[in-house]
C-alpha cells in the first residue's frame, strides 16, 4: 500500500527529522491515507518527543481526507501523500498527475458540497498550490501548537 521514507537535512522540529510518504495507486480506500497520518502522528510523541494534541490529530486527519479525496476524485492515476513534522507544524503534501489547479470557492452557506478546500485553508497555518512538471502538489501546514490563531484566510498559488 505505501512506502515509508525518512527525509533529508531540512531544519526540523527540535533538530529531528520526521517524515513519511506513500504512493497510492488510486484504488485504495481514503481511510488508508488517514491511517497512515494517524500512525505518523502517534509516533511523533514517542519517537521524536513532539507533543501532538487532539486538535492537531483531528485537523491533520481532516486535511489528509480532504486533499486525498480531491486527488482521487479529480486526477487520473496515482497520487503521493507526504507528511512531515517541521518548523512547528505537520506539513501535509499531496501530489497528483492532474495539472489543473483547484479553485477555492468563496464561502456560500447555500452551496451544497465543495467546501473542502475552504475548510482546509481556514484550519491551516499555510496552504500552497504548486505546479509540477507533471501535475500539481498541494501543501497545507497544521501548527503543532494549540495557540494557532485563525488560519491563513486563503491560498497561495505558486
C-alpha atoms as a PDB file:
ATOM      1  CA  UNK A   1       0.000   0.000   0.000  1.00  0.00           C
ATOM      2  CA  UNK A   2       2.604   2.613   0.959  1.00  0.00           C
ATOM      3  CA  UNK A   3       6.302   3.054   1.306  1.00  0.00           C
ATOM      4  CA  UNK A   4       7.773   4.999   4.207  1.00  0.00           C
ATOM      5  CA  UNK A   5      10.881   7.126   3.849  1.00  0.00           C
ATOM      6  CA  UNK A   6      12.978   9.288   6.177  1.00  0.00           C
ATOM      7  CA  UNK A   7      13.740  12.763   4.885  1.00  0.00           C
ATOM      8  CA  UNK A   8      16.966  14.700   4.376  1.00  0.00           C
ATOM      9  CA  UNK A   9      18.654  17.591   6.159  1.00  0.00           C
ATOM     10  CA  UNK A  10      15.954  20.272   6.425  1.00  0.00           C
ATOM     11  CA  UNK A  11      15.920  22.008   9.773  1.00  0.00           C
ATOM     12  CA  UNK A  12      13.098  20.258  11.545  1.00  0.00           C
ATOM     13  CA  UNK A  13      11.498  20.359  14.965  1.00  0.00           C
ATOM     14  CA  UNK A  14      13.988  20.004  17.783  1.00  0.00           C
ATOM     15  CA  UNK A  15      16.665  19.071  15.221  1.00  0.00           C
ATOM     16  CA  UNK A  16      14.860  15.822  14.409  1.00  0.00           C
ATOM     17  CA  UNK A  17      13.747  14.625  11.007  1.00  0.00           C
ATOM     18  CA  UNK A  18      10.342  13.063  10.849  1.00  0.00           C
ATOM     19  CA  UNK A  19       8.761  12.332   7.509  1.00  0.00           C
ATOM     20  CA  UNK A  20       6.718   9.640   5.866  1.00  0.00           C
ATOM     21  CA  UNK A  21       5.384   9.377   2.345  1.00  0.00           C
ATOM     22  CA  UNK A  22       3.206   6.927   0.480  1.00  0.00           C
ATOM     23  CA  UNK A  23       2.349   6.253  -3.132  1.00  0.00           C
ATOM     24  CA  UNK A  24      -1.263   5.234  -3.648  1.00  0.00           C
ATOM     25  CA  UNK A  25      -2.414   3.643  -6.904  1.00  0.00           C
ATOM     26  CA  UNK A  26      -5.792   5.320  -6.589  1.00  0.00           C
ATOM     27  CA  UNK A  27      -7.938   2.306  -5.787  1.00  0.00           C
ATOM     28  CA  UNK A  28      -7.219   2.206  -2.047  1.00  0.00           C
ATOM     29  CA  UNK A  29      -9.718   3.467   0.482  1.00  0.00           C
ATOM     30  CA  UNK A  30      -9.261   7.043   1.648  1.00  0.00           C
ATOM     31  CA  UNK A  31      -9.181   5.562   5.143  1.00  0.00           C
ATOM     32  CA  UNK A  32      -5.777   4.039   4.245  1.00  0.00           C
ATOM     33  CA  UNK A  33      -4.350   7.561   3.852  1.00  0.00           C
ATOM     34  CA  UNK A  34      -5.946   8.658   7.132  1.00  0.00           C
ATOM     35  CA  UNK A  35      -4.496   5.566   8.852  1.00  0.00           C
ATOM     36  CA  UNK A  36      -1.016   6.490   7.601  1.00  0.00           C
ATOM     37  CA  UNK A  37      -1.478  10.011   9.003  1.00  0.00           C
ATOM     38  CA  UNK A  38      -2.691   8.722  12.377  1.00  0.00           C
ATOM     39  CA  UNK A  39       0.242   6.298  12.606  1.00  0.00           C
ATOM     40  CA  UNK A  40       2.669   9.118  11.777  1.00  0.00           C
ATOM     41  CA  UNK A  41       1.119  11.382  14.426  1.00  0.00           C
ATOM     42  CA  UNK A  42       1.162   8.598  17.030  1.00  0.00           C
ATOM     43  CA  UNK A  43       4.924   8.212  16.526  1.00  0.00           C
ATOM     44  CA  UNK A  44       5.756  11.898  16.988  1.00  0.00           C
ATOM     45  CA  UNK A  45       5.487  11.952  20.808  1.00  0.00           C
ATOM     46  CA  UNK A  46       7.083   8.558  21.438  1.00  0.00           C
ATOM     47  CA  UNK A  47       9.815   8.521  18.789  1.00  0.00           C
ATOM     48  CA  UNK A  48      10.572  12.234  18.456  1.00  0.00           C
ATOM     49  CA  UNK A  49       9.356  13.745  21.721  1.00  0.00           C
ATOM     50  CA  UNK A  50       6.938  16.071  19.936  1.00  0.00           C
ATOM     51  CA  UNK A  51       3.586  16.634  21.609  1.00  0.00           C
ATOM     52  CA  UNK A  52       0.511  16.150  19.411  1.00  0.00           C
ATOM     53  CA  UNK A  53      -2.810  17.394  20.755  1.00  0.00           C
ATOM     54  CA  UNK A  54      -6.218  16.025  19.904  1.00  0.00           C
ATOM     55  CA  UNK A  55      -6.848  19.207  17.871  1.00  0.00           C
ATOM     56  CA  UNK A  56      -3.761  18.576  15.750  1.00  0.00           C
ATOM     57  CA  UNK A  57      -4.699  14.935  15.238  1.00  0.00           C
ATOM     58  CA  UNK A  58      -8.253  15.783  14.202  1.00  0.00           C
ATOM     59  CA  UNK A  59      -7.125  18.612  11.923  1.00  0.00           C
ATOM     60  CA  UNK A  60      -4.403  16.604  10.167  1.00  0.00           C
ATOM     61  CA  UNK A  61      -6.818  13.713   9.678  1.00  0.00           C
ATOM     62  CA  UNK A  62      -9.383  16.084   8.119  1.00  0.00           C
ATOM     63  CA  UNK A  63      -6.785  17.794   5.882  1.00  0.00           C
ATOM     64  CA  UNK A  64      -5.466  14.436   4.654  1.00  0.00           C
ATOM     65  CA  UNK A  65      -9.000  13.243   3.980  1.00  0.00           C
ATOM     66  CA  UNK A  66      -9.935  16.369   2.002  1.00  0.00           C
ATOM     67  CA  UNK A  67      -6.747  16.538  -0.077  1.00  0.00           C
ATOM     68  CA  UNK A  68      -6.669  12.812  -0.841  1.00  0.00           C
ATOM     69  CA  UNK A  69     -10.381  12.806  -1.721  1.00  0.00           C
ATOM     70  CA  UNK A  70      -9.758  15.616  -4.210  1.00  0.00           C
ATOM     71  CA  UNK A  71      -6.766  13.786  -5.742  1.00  0.00           C
ATOM     72  CA  UNK A  72      -8.784  10.580  -6.152  1.00  0.00           C
ATOM     73  CA  UNK A  73     -11.796  12.417  -7.497  1.00  0.00           C
ATOM     74  CA  UNK A  74     -10.126  14.764  -9.989  1.00  0.00           C
ATOM     75  CA  UNK A  75      -6.837  13.170 -11.087  1.00  0.00           C
ATOM     76  CA  UNK A  76      -6.182  10.103 -13.194  1.00  0.00           C
ATOM     77  CA  UNK A  77      -3.661   7.680 -11.860  1.00  0.00           C
ATOM     78  CA  UNK A  78      -1.663   7.561  -8.668  1.00  0.00           C
ATOM     79  CA  UNK A  79      -1.134  10.191  -6.013  1.00  0.00           C
ATOM     80  CA  UNK A  80       1.532  10.683  -3.365  1.00  0.00           C
ATOM     81  CA  UNK A  81       0.800  11.637   0.229  1.00  0.00           C
ATOM     82  CA  UNK A  82       3.605  13.107   2.308  1.00  0.00           C
ATOM     83  CA  UNK A  83       3.612  14.048   5.996  1.00  0.00           C
ATOM     84  CA  UNK A  84       6.451  15.899   7.662  1.00  0.00           C
ATOM     85  CA  UNK A  85       6.950  17.462  11.082  1.00  0.00           C
ATOM     86  CA  UNK A  86       8.943  20.647  10.601  1.00  0.00           C
ATOM     87  CA  UNK A  87       9.006  24.274  11.666  1.00  0.00           C
ATOM     88  CA  UNK A  88       6.429  23.794  14.443  1.00  0.00           C
ATOM     89  CA  UNK A  89       3.882  22.159  12.166  1.00  0.00           C
ATOM     90  CA  UNK A  90       2.807  18.999  10.411  1.00  0.00           C
ATOM     91  CA  UNK A  91       3.016  19.584   6.674  1.00  0.00           C
ATOM     92  CA  UNK A  92       0.609  17.547   4.571  1.00  0.00           C
ATOM     93  CA  UNK A  93       1.550  17.302   0.903  1.00  0.00           C
ATOM     94  CA  UNK A  94      -0.432  15.619  -1.872  1.00  0.00           C
ATOM     95  CA  UNK A  95       0.889  15.299  -5.413  1.00  0.00           C
ATOM     96  CA  UNK A  96      -1.310  14.137  -8.259  1.00  0.00           C
ATOM     97  CA  UNK A  97      -0.967  13.989 -12.039  1.00  0.00           C
ATOM     98  CA  UNK A  98      -3.796  16.443 -12.851  1.00  0.00           C
ATOM     99  CA  UNK A  99      -2.273  19.763 -13.996  1.00  0.00           C
ATOM    100  CA  UNK A 100      -5.479  21.751 -13.442  1.00  0.00           C
ATOM    101  CA  UNK A 101      -5.225  23.805 -10.259  1.00  0.00           C
ATOM    102  CA  UNK A 102      -8.187  23.660  -7.898  1.00  0.00           C
ATOM    103  CA  UNK A 103     -10.443  26.637  -7.361  1.00  0.00           C
ATOM    104  CA  UNK A 104     -11.380  27.518  -3.828  1.00  0.00           C
ATOM    105  CA  UNK A 105     -14.922  28.782  -3.745  1.00  0.00           C
ATOM    106  CA  UNK A 106     -15.905  31.862  -1.771  1.00  0.00           C
ATOM    107  CA  UNK A 107     -17.900  30.984   1.353  1.00  0.00           C
ATOM    108  CA  UNK A 108     -21.533  30.329   0.456  1.00  0.00           C
ATOM    109  CA  UNK A 109     -23.843  28.851   3.107  1.00  0.00           C
ATOM    110  CA  UNK A 110     -26.347  27.909   0.379  1.00  0.00           C
ATOM    111  CA  UNK A 111     -23.880  25.832  -1.674  1.00  0.00           C
ATOM    112  CA  UNK A 112     -24.164  22.108  -1.140  1.00  0.00           C
ATOM    113  CA  UNK A 113     -20.752  20.454  -1.116  1.00  0.00           C
ATOM    114  CA  UNK A 114     -17.378  21.671  -2.425  1.00  0.00           C
ATOM    115  CA  UNK A 115     -16.371  23.251   0.898  1.00  0.00           C
ATOM    116  CA  UNK A 116     -13.297  21.031   1.458  1.00  0.00           C
ATOM    117  CA  UNK A 117     -10.506  23.417   0.453  1.00  0.00           C
ATOM    118  CA  UNK A 118     -12.336  26.311   2.081  1.00  0.00           C
ATOM    119  CA  UNK A 119     -12.235  24.368   5.355  1.00  0.00           C
ATOM    120  CA  UNK A 120      -8.588  23.332   4.870  1.00  0.00           C
ATOM    121  CA  UNK A 121      -7.408  26.908   4.262  1.00  0.00           C
ATOM    122  CA  UNK A 122      -9.262  28.079   7.357  1.00  0.00           C
ATOM    123  CA  UNK A 123      -7.728  25.415   9.619  1.00  0.00           C
ATOM    124  CA  UNK A 124      -4.153  25.506   8.363  1.00  0.00           C
ATOM    125  CA  UNK A 125      -1.260  27.815   9.133  1.00  0.00           C
ATOM    126  CA  UNK A 126      -0.305  27.829   5.465  1.00  0.00           C
ATOM    127  CA  UNK A 127      -1.699  26.494   2.197  1.00  0.00           C
ATOM    128  CA  UNK A 128       0.105  26.390  -1.135  1.00  0.00           C
ATOM    129  CA  UNK A 129      -0.582  25.044  -4.597  1.00  0.00           C
ATOM    130  CA  UNK A 130       2.455  24.304  -6.778  1.00  0.00           C
ATOM    131  CA  UNK A 131       2.524  23.379 -10.445  1.00  0.00           C
ATOM    132  CA  UNK A 132       4.880  20.471 -11.035  1.00  0.00           C
ATOM    133  CA  UNK A 133       6.479  19.262 -14.288  1.00  0.00           C
ATOM    134  CA  UNK A 134       3.729  16.661 -14.190  1.00  0.00           C
ATOM    135  CA  UNK A 135       0.582  17.554 -12.268  1.00  0.00           C
ATOM    136  CA  UNK A 136       0.488  19.618  -9.112  1.00  0.00           C
ATOM    137  CA  UNK A 137       1.357  19.493  -5.410  1.00  0.00           C
ATOM    138  CA  UNK A 138      -0.819  20.902  -2.657  1.00  0.00           C
ATOM    139  CA  UNK A 139       0.759  21.614   0.722  1.00  0.00           C
ATOM    140  CA  UNK A 140      -1.024  22.516   3.933  1.00  0.00           C
ATOM    141  CA  UNK A 141       0.679  23.040   7.305  1.00  0.00           C
ATOM    142  CA  UNK A 142      -1.121  22.356  10.578  1.00  0.00           C
ATOM    143  CA  UNK A 143       0.502  24.102  13.552  1.00  0.00           C
ATOM    144  CA  UNK A 144       1.544  21.752  16.362  1.00  0.00           C
ATOM    145  CA  UNK A 145       0.958  24.442  18.962  1.00  0.00           C
ATOM    146  CA  UNK A 146      -2.585  24.790  20.260  1.00  0.00           C
ATOM    147  CA  UNK A 147      -2.020  28.557  20.173  1.00  0.00           C
ATOM    148  CA  UNK A 148      -2.548  28.515  16.423  1.00  0.00           C
ATOM    149  CA  UNK A 149      -4.599  31.567  15.564  1.00  0.00           C
ATOM    150  CA  UNK A 150      -7.325  31.614  12.963  1.00  0.00           C
ATOM    151  CA  UNK A 151      -5.801  30.052   9.877  1.00  0.00           C
ATOM    152  CA  UNK A 152      -4.456  31.798   6.821  1.00  0.00           C
ATOM    153  CA  UNK A 153      -7.644  33.050   5.219  1.00  0.00           C
ATOM    154  CA  UNK A 154      -6.763  31.990   1.695  1.00  0.00           C
ATOM    155  CA  UNK A 155      -4.416  30.035  -0.567  1.00  0.00           C
ATOM    156  CA  UNK A 156      -1.180  30.990  -2.216  1.00  0.00           C
ATOM    157  CA  UNK A 157      -0.627  29.543  -5.691  1.00  0.00           C
ATOM    158  CA  UNK A 158       2.996  29.212  -6.765  1.00  0.00           C
END
